[in-house]
Amino acid sequence: MISILAGVLFLSLCVRAQVSVVSIQLQPFNITPESMMSAAIMNGASEQQVETVSKLYNFNNELLLTVKSTPFNLKQGLNSSFDGFRKAASIEYGSGNQSNYIKTTHGLPSGTFKICIDLVLSKTNEVLDQFCDEVESEFNQYLYLVFPADKDTIESTTPLLAWTHSEPFSVLSQGEYYRMILTEIKDKQSAQEALDINLPMMSKNYLTTHNLQYPYDAKELLEGKKYAWQVQKLVNGVVTNKTEAWEFFYRKKPEDKEVKYVALKHVIDASFYTAYNARIYFKFSEEYNSPGNIIASIKSDDGKKVSITILKDQEKTNTASDAIIKSVGDNRFVLDLNKENVKPGFYVMEIRNEKKELYYLKFYFPE
């Protein structure tokens, strides 16, 4: 009896020694039940029936996907990864966001993953070999800064910093997060050198949106200084990916100056008048010998007419639908946008004289 058991054990060890998984051909952009079974297997023994159990893990060793094959014949010699005989008997996804992402997209989110395949003898469920390999996923990963543009000049002490990346935040697993850092650039430093060496003026961890307003309680941006900023992906405190290092220059916003009085034009061109303090000062020159009437109106950028009130010579008030009396020579008018509840945006003002000649002024009303 002992000799029989010893013989069975010896044969089992021989089979194990002669059967091994050589490699796994799993691509991060093709995560399917079929690809999970794509292992090259060397069989130095006789033909036998086996099964595979493939398991996919993330870097935290969380099980994301399990695929078990139906029994298939393992021929003698090298069996290729895609022999056409392996079919999935069961497929089981994990319950987390990364598993849902893989199930939906058939791809891996960015990061490092591990696949393990157990080769099992069908008759006895004996594990003949186990093989594990890492899978790096970066094929569709992008991480970019958007605004302010590199080497741009800004005029706000609390700028909006915008960035983007290729994946939903929900696929981040425990220990993964995005961080934005910003620091001053010293003399003769590049943006990346500043970020590597200087203390951050602002460091925001666990970003969950692609827009971040520079915090009011962070160190104040100073006029005439250059600043570097970057978004990084961290895994367990280690930077695994990052954007380019961009820089911007801060200067104070120049004082708004009103232009008094702007002349109207016969055609609309690309130029426009900025209505600071919600007022437009414009002039209309009368070339004829006798005074007459003009009709005024404005249209919003989408073509809708807006009712207005115009002050002639800052004294007499008439509605836009009324005729405004002009005199020979230089006529000056004021349009108060706040009084008429005009919303910020681009507009075109149209003036028509008694000879039905049209004059225009394109203007912008800032917020």
Protein backbone atom coordinates (compact mmCIF):
# COMPACT_ATOMS: atom_id res chain seq x y z
CA MET A 1 0.00 0.00 0.00
CA ILE A 2 2.80 2.36 0.93
CA SER A 3 4.59 1.55 -2.30
CA ILE A 4 1.44 2.36 -4.32
CA LEU A 5 1.04 5.73 -2.60
CA ALA A 6 4.70 6.48 -3.13
CA GLY A 7 4.30 5.64 -6.82
CA VAL A 8 1.28 7.96 -7.19
CA LEU A 9 3.14 10.74 -5.42
CA PHE A 10 6.17 10.23 -7.63
CA LEU A 11 4.04 10.39 -10.79
CA SER A 12 2.31 13.53 -9.48
CA LEU A 13 5.64 15.22 -8.85
CA CYS A 14 6.83 14.24 -12.29
CA VAL A 15 3.71 15.75 -13.89
CA ARG A 16 4.11 18.93 -11.90
CA ALA A 17 7.77 19.23 -12.87
CA GLN A 18 6.97 18.80 -16.54
CA VAL A 19 4.04 21.27 -16.75
CA SER A 20 4.53 25.02 -16.34
CA VAL A 21 3.00 28.35 -17.33
CA VAL A 22 5.63 30.15 -19.42
CA SER A 23 4.07 33.59 -19.93
CA ILE A 24 0.84 35.59 -19.84
CA GLN A 25 -0.09 37.78 -22.80
CA LEU A 26 -2.45 40.25 -21.09
CA GLN A 27 -2.69 43.74 -22.59
CA PRO A 28 -4.08 46.64 -20.48
CA PHE A 29 -6.35 47.77 -23.34
CA ASN A 30 -7.92 44.32 -23.81
CA ILE A 31 -9.24 42.92 -20.54
CA THR A 32 -11.74 40.23 -21.51
CA PRO A 33 -12.46 36.68 -20.26
CA GLU A 34 -10.57 35.32 -23.27
CA SER A 35 -7.49 37.50 -22.71
CA MET A 36 -7.44 36.55 -19.02
CA MET A 37 -6.79 32.94 -20.11
CA SER A 38 -4.07 33.82 -22.62
CA ALA A 39 -1.14 31.97 -21.06
CA ALA A 40 1.53 30.04 -22.92
CA ILE A 41 1.91 26.61 -21.27
CA MET A 42 4.73 24.09 -21.64
CA ASN A 43 3.73 20.45 -21.22
CA GLY A 44 6.63 18.01 -20.99
CA ALA A 45 4.35 15.12 -20.05
CA SER A 46 1.68 13.34 -22.06
CA GLU A 47 -1.51 15.05 -23.21
CA GLN A 48 -3.85 15.76 -20.32
CA GLN A 49 -7.01 17.73 -19.49
CA VAL A 50 -6.54 20.90 -17.44
CA GLU A 51 -8.31 24.12 -16.40
CA THR A 52 -7.06 27.64 -15.66
CA VAL A 53 -8.14 30.00 -12.88
CA SER A 54 -7.06 33.58 -13.67
CA LYS A 55 -7.20 36.35 -11.07
CA LEU A 56 -6.55 40.06 -11.57
CA TYR A 57 -5.46 42.26 -8.64
CA ASN A 58 -4.71 45.96 -8.20
CA PHE A 59 -1.61 47.25 -6.41
CA ASN A 60 -3.48 47.01 -3.07
CA ASN A 61 -3.97 43.29 -3.76
CA GLU A 62 -7.73 43.76 -4.11
CA LEU A 63 -9.28 41.09 -6.31
CA LEU A 64 -10.88 42.73 -9.36
CA LEU A 65 -11.73 39.86 -11.71
CA THR A 66 -11.71 36.06 -11.63
CA VAL A 67 -12.10 33.91 -14.77
CA LYS A 68 -12.25 30.13 -14.64
CA SER A 69 -11.94 28.13 -17.85
CA THR A 70 -13.75 24.99 -18.96
CA PRO A 71 -11.56 21.85 -19.15
CA PHE A 72 -9.36 21.71 -22.25
CA ASN A 73 -6.72 19.33 -23.60
CA LEU A 74 -3.15 20.35 -22.94
CA LYS A 75 -1.08 18.91 -25.77
CA GLN A 76 2.48 17.78 -25.39
CA GLY A 77 4.99 20.54 -26.01
CA LEU A 78 4.37 24.30 -26.07
CA ASN A 79 0.71 25.31 -26.04
CA SER A 80 0.28 28.88 -27.37
CA SER A 81 -1.58 31.62 -25.55
CA PHE A 82 -4.47 31.57 -28.02
CA ASP A 83 -5.02 27.94 -28.96
CA GLY A 84 -8.76 28.38 -29.53
CA PHE A 85 -9.77 25.65 -27.07
CA ARG A 86 -10.09 27.72 -23.91
CA LYS A 87 -13.58 28.90 -23.02
CA ALA A 88 -14.74 30.73 -19.92
CA ALA A 89 -16.80 28.63 -17.51
CA SER A 90 -17.33 31.43 -14.98
CA ILE A 91 -16.61 35.16 -14.79
CA GLU A 92 -16.75 37.08 -11.53
CA TYR A 93 -16.07 40.80 -11.18
CA GLY A 94 -15.34 42.50 -7.87
CA SER A 95 -17.72 45.02 -6.37
CA GLY A 96 -15.47 48.10 -6.47
CA ASN A 97 -15.24 51.01 -8.92
CA GLN A 98 -12.16 49.64 -10.65
CA SER A 99 -13.95 46.35 -11.35
CA ASN A 100 -16.91 48.25 -12.78
CA TYR A 101 -14.53 50.30 -14.95
CA ILE A 102 -12.91 47.14 -16.31
CA LYS A 103 -16.29 45.52 -16.95
CA THR A 104 -17.54 48.59 -18.83
CA THR A 105 -14.44 49.60 -20.82
CA HIS A 106 -12.62 46.24 -21.12
CA GLY A 107 -9.47 48.12 -20.18
CA LEU A 108 -7.43 48.87 -17.09
CA PRO A 109 -7.26 52.25 -15.41
CA SER A 110 -3.76 53.65 -15.13
CA GLY A 111 -1.47 52.02 -12.59
CA THR A 112 0.20 48.73 -11.77
CA PHE A 113 -1.80 45.50 -11.64
CA LYS A 114 -1.04 41.80 -11.14
CA ILE A 115 -2.47 38.74 -12.87
CA CYS A 116 -2.04 35.22 -11.49
CA ILE A 117 -2.99 31.99 -13.29
CA ASP A 118 -3.40 28.63 -11.58
CA LEU A 119 -3.09 25.63 -13.88
CA VAL A 120 -5.30 22.87 -12.47
CA LEU A 121 -5.52 19.18 -13.36
CA SER A 122 -9.21 18.58 -14.16
CA LYS A 123 -9.53 15.08 -12.66
CA THR A 124 -8.08 15.84 -9.25
CA ASN A 125 -8.23 19.69 -9.00
CA GLU A 126 -4.51 19.53 -8.26
CA VAL A 127 -2.64 22.78 -8.93
CA LEU A 128 0.10 21.90 -11.41
CA ASP A 129 1.64 25.37 -11.60
CA GLN A 130 1.01 28.99 -10.64
CA PHE A 131 2.37 31.98 -12.52
CA CYS A 132 2.04 35.71 -11.69
CA ASP A 133 3.05 38.75 -13.69
CA GLU A 134 2.70 42.53 -13.40
CA VAL A 135 0.72 44.60 -15.89
CA GLU A 136 1.55 48.29 -16.31
CA SER A 137 -1.33 50.35 -17.65
CA GLU A 138 -0.44 53.67 -19.25
CA PHE A 139 -1.61 53.22 -22.83
CA ASN A 140 -4.46 55.77 -22.75
CA GLN A 141 -3.44 57.77 -19.73
CA TYR A 142 -3.09 61.53 -20.09
CA LEU A 143 -2.63 64.19 -17.46
CA TYR A 144 -2.57 67.80 -18.67
CA LEU A 145 -2.65 71.34 -17.38
CA VAL A 146 -5.18 73.55 -19.17
CA PHE A 147 -5.31 77.11 -17.79
CA PRO A 148 -3.53 79.49 -17.29
CA ALA A 149 -1.47 78.58 -20.34
CA ASP A 150 2.25 78.05 -19.93
CA LYS A 151 4.11 81.37 -19.54
CA ASP A 152 0.82 83.27 -19.49
CA THR A 153 0.31 86.54 -17.60
CA ILE A 154 -2.54 86.73 -15.08
CA GLU A 155 -4.08 89.67 -13.25
CA SER A 156 -5.78 87.92 -10.34
CA THR A 157 -4.40 86.99 -6.92
CA THR A 158 -6.81 84.05 -6.82
CA PRO A 159 -6.64 82.58 -10.34
CA LEU A 160 -8.67 79.59 -11.45
CA LEU A 161 -6.27 76.71 -12.12
CA ALA A 162 -7.65 74.10 -14.53
CA TRP A 163 -6.34 70.65 -15.52
CA THR A 164 -7.70 67.43 -16.97
CA HIS A 165 -7.01 63.71 -17.06
CA SER A 166 -8.27 60.64 -18.89
CA GLU A 167 -10.12 58.72 -16.19
CA PRO A 168 -12.98 59.25 -13.77
CA PHE A 169 -11.96 60.01 -10.20
CA SER A 170 -14.06 57.04 -9.08
CA VAL A 171 -11.51 54.50 -10.36
CA LEU A 172 -8.92 55.63 -7.83
CA SER A 173 -8.34 52.94 -5.24
CA GLN A 174 -7.15 53.31 -1.67
CA GLY A 175 -3.84 55.17 -1.52
CA GLU A 176 -4.26 56.85 -4.94
CA TYR A 177 -4.96 60.57 -5.28
CA TYR A 178 -4.16 63.69 -7.31
CA ARG A 179 -2.32 66.69 -5.90
CA MET A 180 -1.76 70.23 -7.19
CA ILE A 181 1.29 72.17 -6.05
CA LEU A 182 2.37 75.75 -6.75
CA THR A 183 5.55 77.57 -5.84
CA GLU A 184 7.50 80.73 -6.67
CA ILE A 185 10.21 80.53 -9.34
CA LYS A 186 13.52 81.98 -8.15
CA ASP A 187 16.18 83.52 -10.41
CA LYS A 188 17.57 81.21 -13.10
CA GLN A 189 15.22 78.36 -12.13
CA SER A 190 13.07 76.44 -14.56
CA ALA A 191 9.50 75.68 -13.57
CA GLN A 192 10.33 72.04 -12.80
CA GLU A 193 13.42 72.99 -10.77
CA ALA A 194 11.31 75.36 -8.70
CA LEU A 195 8.78 72.61 -7.97
CA ASP A 196 11.54 70.13 -7.09
CA ILE A 197 13.52 72.45 -4.80
CA ASN A 198 11.37 75.26 -3.39
CA LEU A 199 8.82 74.98 -0.61
CA PRO A 200 5.26 74.95 -2.00
CA MET A 201 3.16 78.07 -1.52
CA MET A 202 0.08 75.93 -2.09
CA SER A 203 -0.35 72.15 -1.99
CA LYS A 204 -3.82 70.68 -2.44
CA ASN A 205 -4.21 66.92 -1.99
CA TYR A 206 -7.11 64.62 -2.94
CA LEU A 207 -8.38 66.66 -5.88
CA THR A 208 -11.84 65.59 -7.01
CA THR A 209 -12.50 68.27 -9.65
CA HIS A 210 -10.55 69.66 -12.60
CA ASN A 211 -10.86 73.28 -11.43
CA LEU A 212 -9.23 74.78 -8.36
CA GLN A 213 -9.47 78.41 -7.28
CA TYR A 214 -6.21 79.54 -5.72
CA PRO A 215 -7.14 79.65 -2.01
CA TYR A 216 -7.64 83.00 -0.31
CA ASP A 217 -5.81 81.71 2.76
CA ALA A 218 -2.73 80.56 0.79
CA LYS A 219 0.39 82.68 0.54
CA GLU A 220 -0.39 85.76 -1.53
CA LEU A 221 0.82 86.03 -5.12
CA LEU A 222 3.11 89.05 -5.52
CA GLU A 223 3.25 91.45 -8.45
CA GLY A 224 6.14 90.86 -10.82
CA LYS A 225 6.79 87.29 -9.66
CA LYS A 226 6.72 84.06 -11.68
CA TYR A 227 5.09 80.92 -10.33
CA ALA A 228 5.30 77.24 -11.27
CA TRP A 229 2.48 74.73 -10.86
CA GLN A 230 1.84 71.08 -11.53
CA VAL A 231 -0.66 68.27 -10.92
CA GLN A 232 0.71 64.93 -9.72
CA LYS A 233 -0.73 61.47 -9.24
CA LEU A 234 0.42 59.75 -6.04
CA VAL A 235 0.19 56.12 -5.00
CA ASN A 236 0.86 55.48 -1.32
CA GLY A 237 2.73 58.78 -1.10
CA VAL A 238 4.91 58.16 -4.19
CA VAL A 239 4.53 60.28 -7.34
CA THR A 240 3.73 57.88 -10.20
CA ASN A 241 2.66 60.40 -12.85
CA LYS A 242 2.66 64.16 -13.29
CA THR A 243 1.85 66.91 -15.76
CA GLU A 244 4.43 69.16 -17.33
CA ALA A 245 5.55 72.00 -15.07
CA TRP A 246 3.95 75.23 -16.27
CA GLU A 247 4.59 78.78 -15.17
CA PHE A 248 2.69 82.05 -15.13
CA PHE A 249 3.54 85.68 -14.37
CA TYR A 250 1.42 87.82 -12.06
CA ARG A 251 0.82 91.52 -12.56
CA LYS A 252 -1.80 93.77 -11.07
CA LYS A 253 -4.84 94.46 -13.19
CA PRO A 254 -4.47 97.90 -14.77
CA GLU A 255 -6.93 100.55 -13.75
CA ASP A 256 -10.05 100.62 -15.88
CA LYS A 257 -10.18 103.79 -17.93
CA GLU A 258 -13.29 105.08 -19.57
CA VAL A 259 -13.03 106.33 -23.13
CA LYS A 260 -14.94 109.59 -23.63
CA TYR A 261 -16.42 109.91 -26.20
CA VAL A 262 -16.21 107.12 -28.78
CA ALA A 263 -17.19 107.84 -32.39
CA LEU A 264 -19.72 105.63 -34.13
CA LYS A 265 -18.89 103.71 -37.33
CA HIS A 266 -20.74 102.91 -40.54
CA VAL A 267 -19.76 99.23 -40.35
CA ILE A 268 -19.29 96.68 -37.57
CA ASP A 269 -15.73 95.40 -37.31
CA ALA A 270 -13.72 93.37 -34.81
CA SER A 271 -13.04 96.32 -32.50
CA PHE A 272 -15.29 97.02 -29.54
CA TYR A 273 -15.79 99.54 -26.76
CA THR A 274 -15.58 98.37 -23.14
CA ALA A 275 -18.34 99.79 -20.95
CA TYR A 276 -16.51 100.31 -17.67
CA ASN A 277 -18.72 101.38 -14.76
CA ALA A 278 -21.72 100.27 -16.86
CA ARG A 279 -21.69 103.44 -18.94
CA ILE A 280 -21.16 104.13 -22.63
CA TYR A 281 -20.09 107.58 -23.76
CA PHE A 282 -20.48 108.15 -27.48
CA LYS A 283 -20.65 111.02 -29.91
CA PHE A 284 -22.56 111.61 -33.09
CA SER A 285 -21.48 114.36 -35.49
CA GLU A 286 -24.21 116.10 -37.51
CA GLU A 287 -22.96 117.24 -40.90
CA TYR A 288 -26.19 118.87 -42.08
CA ASN A 289 -27.21 122.47 -41.65
CA SER A 290 -30.41 121.75 -39.73
CA PRO A 291 -31.04 119.67 -36.65
CA GLY A 292 -33.04 116.44 -36.91
CA ASN A 293 -34.02 113.26 -35.15
CA ILE A 294 -32.09 110.04 -34.52
CA ILE A 295 -33.42 106.65 -33.48
CA ALA A 296 -31.29 104.48 -31.14
CA SER A 297 -31.46 100.80 -30.21
CA ILE A 298 -29.14 98.01 -29.10
CA LYS A 299 -29.04 94.30 -29.83
CA SER A 300 -27.49 91.55 -27.75
CA ASP A 301 -24.90 89.20 -29.22
CA ASP A 302 -27.61 86.64 -30.04
CA GLY A 303 -29.58 89.22 -32.05
CA LYS A 304 -32.27 90.08 -29.50
CA LYS A 305 -33.25 93.72 -29.09
CA VAL A 306 -32.82 95.30 -25.69
CA SER A 307 -34.74 98.39 -24.56
CA ILE A 308 -32.50 101.23 -23.43
CA THR A 309 -32.60 104.78 -22.11
CA ILE A 310 -30.20 107.36 -23.52
CA LEU A 311 -29.21 110.64 -21.88
CA LYS A 312 -28.56 113.43 -24.36
CA ASP A 313 -25.82 115.74 -23.20
CA GLN A 314 -26.26 114.04 -19.78
CA GLU A 315 -29.40 116.12 -19.14
CA LYS A 316 -32.43 115.23 -21.21
CA THR A 317 -33.79 111.66 -21.05
CA ASN A 318 -35.62 109.85 -23.84
CA THR A 319 -36.45 106.18 -24.35
CA ALA A 320 -34.91 104.25 -27.20
CA SER A 321 -38.17 104.20 -29.10
CA ASP A 322 -38.42 108.00 -28.96
CA ALA A 323 -36.70 110.29 -31.41
CA ILE A 324 -33.68 111.97 -29.83
CA ILE A 325 -33.14 115.50 -31.03
CA LYS A 326 -29.65 116.21 -32.34
CA SER A 327 -28.14 119.52 -33.22
CA VAL A 328 -25.69 120.54 -35.91
CA GLY A 329 -22.12 119.66 -34.95
CA ASP A 330 -20.88 117.41 -32.15
CA ASN A 331 -23.65 115.60 -30.22
CA ARG A 332 -22.68 113.65 -27.10
CA PHE A 333 -24.69 110.95 -25.34
CA VAL A 334 -24.49 108.62 -22.33
CA LEU A 335 -26.03 105.17 -22.06
CA ASP A 336 -26.42 103.83 -18.49
CA LEU A 337 -26.56 100.03 -18.66
CA ASN A 338 -27.32 99.46 -14.98
CA LYS A 339 -30.51 101.52 -15.11
CA GLU A 340 -31.88 99.30 -17.85
CA ASN A 341 -30.80 96.01 -16.21
CA VAL A 342 -28.62 95.10 -19.17
CA LYS A 343 -26.75 91.88 -18.46
CA PRO A 344 -22.99 91.55 -19.08
CA GLY A 345 -21.99 90.53 -22.58
CA PHE A 346 -21.42 91.80 -26.11
CA TYR A 347 -23.90 94.16 -27.79
CA VAL A 348 -24.26 96.30 -30.91
CA MET A 349 -25.80 99.76 -30.69
CA GLU A 350 -27.48 101.08 -33.82
CA ILE A 351 -28.11 104.79 -34.50
CA ARG A 352 -30.25 105.96 -37.44
CA ASN A 353 -30.57 109.60 -38.52
CA GLU A 354 -33.40 111.26 -40.42
CA LYS A 355 -31.83 110.27 -43.74
CA LYS A 356 -31.96 106.63 -42.60
CA GLU A 357 -28.18 106.42 -42.47
CA LEU A 358 -26.96 103.82 -39.97
CA TYR A 359 -24.11 104.09 -37.48
CA TYR A 360 -22.89 101.33 -35.15
CA LEU A 361 -20.98 100.76 -31.96
CA LYS A 362 -20.02 97.29 -30.82
CA PHE A 363 -19.46 97.22 -27.06
CA TYR A 364 -18.65 94.81 -24.27
CA PHE A 365 -20.22 95.06 -20.82
CA PRO A 366 -17.91 93.22 -18.35
CA GLU A 367 -19.19 91.55 -15.21
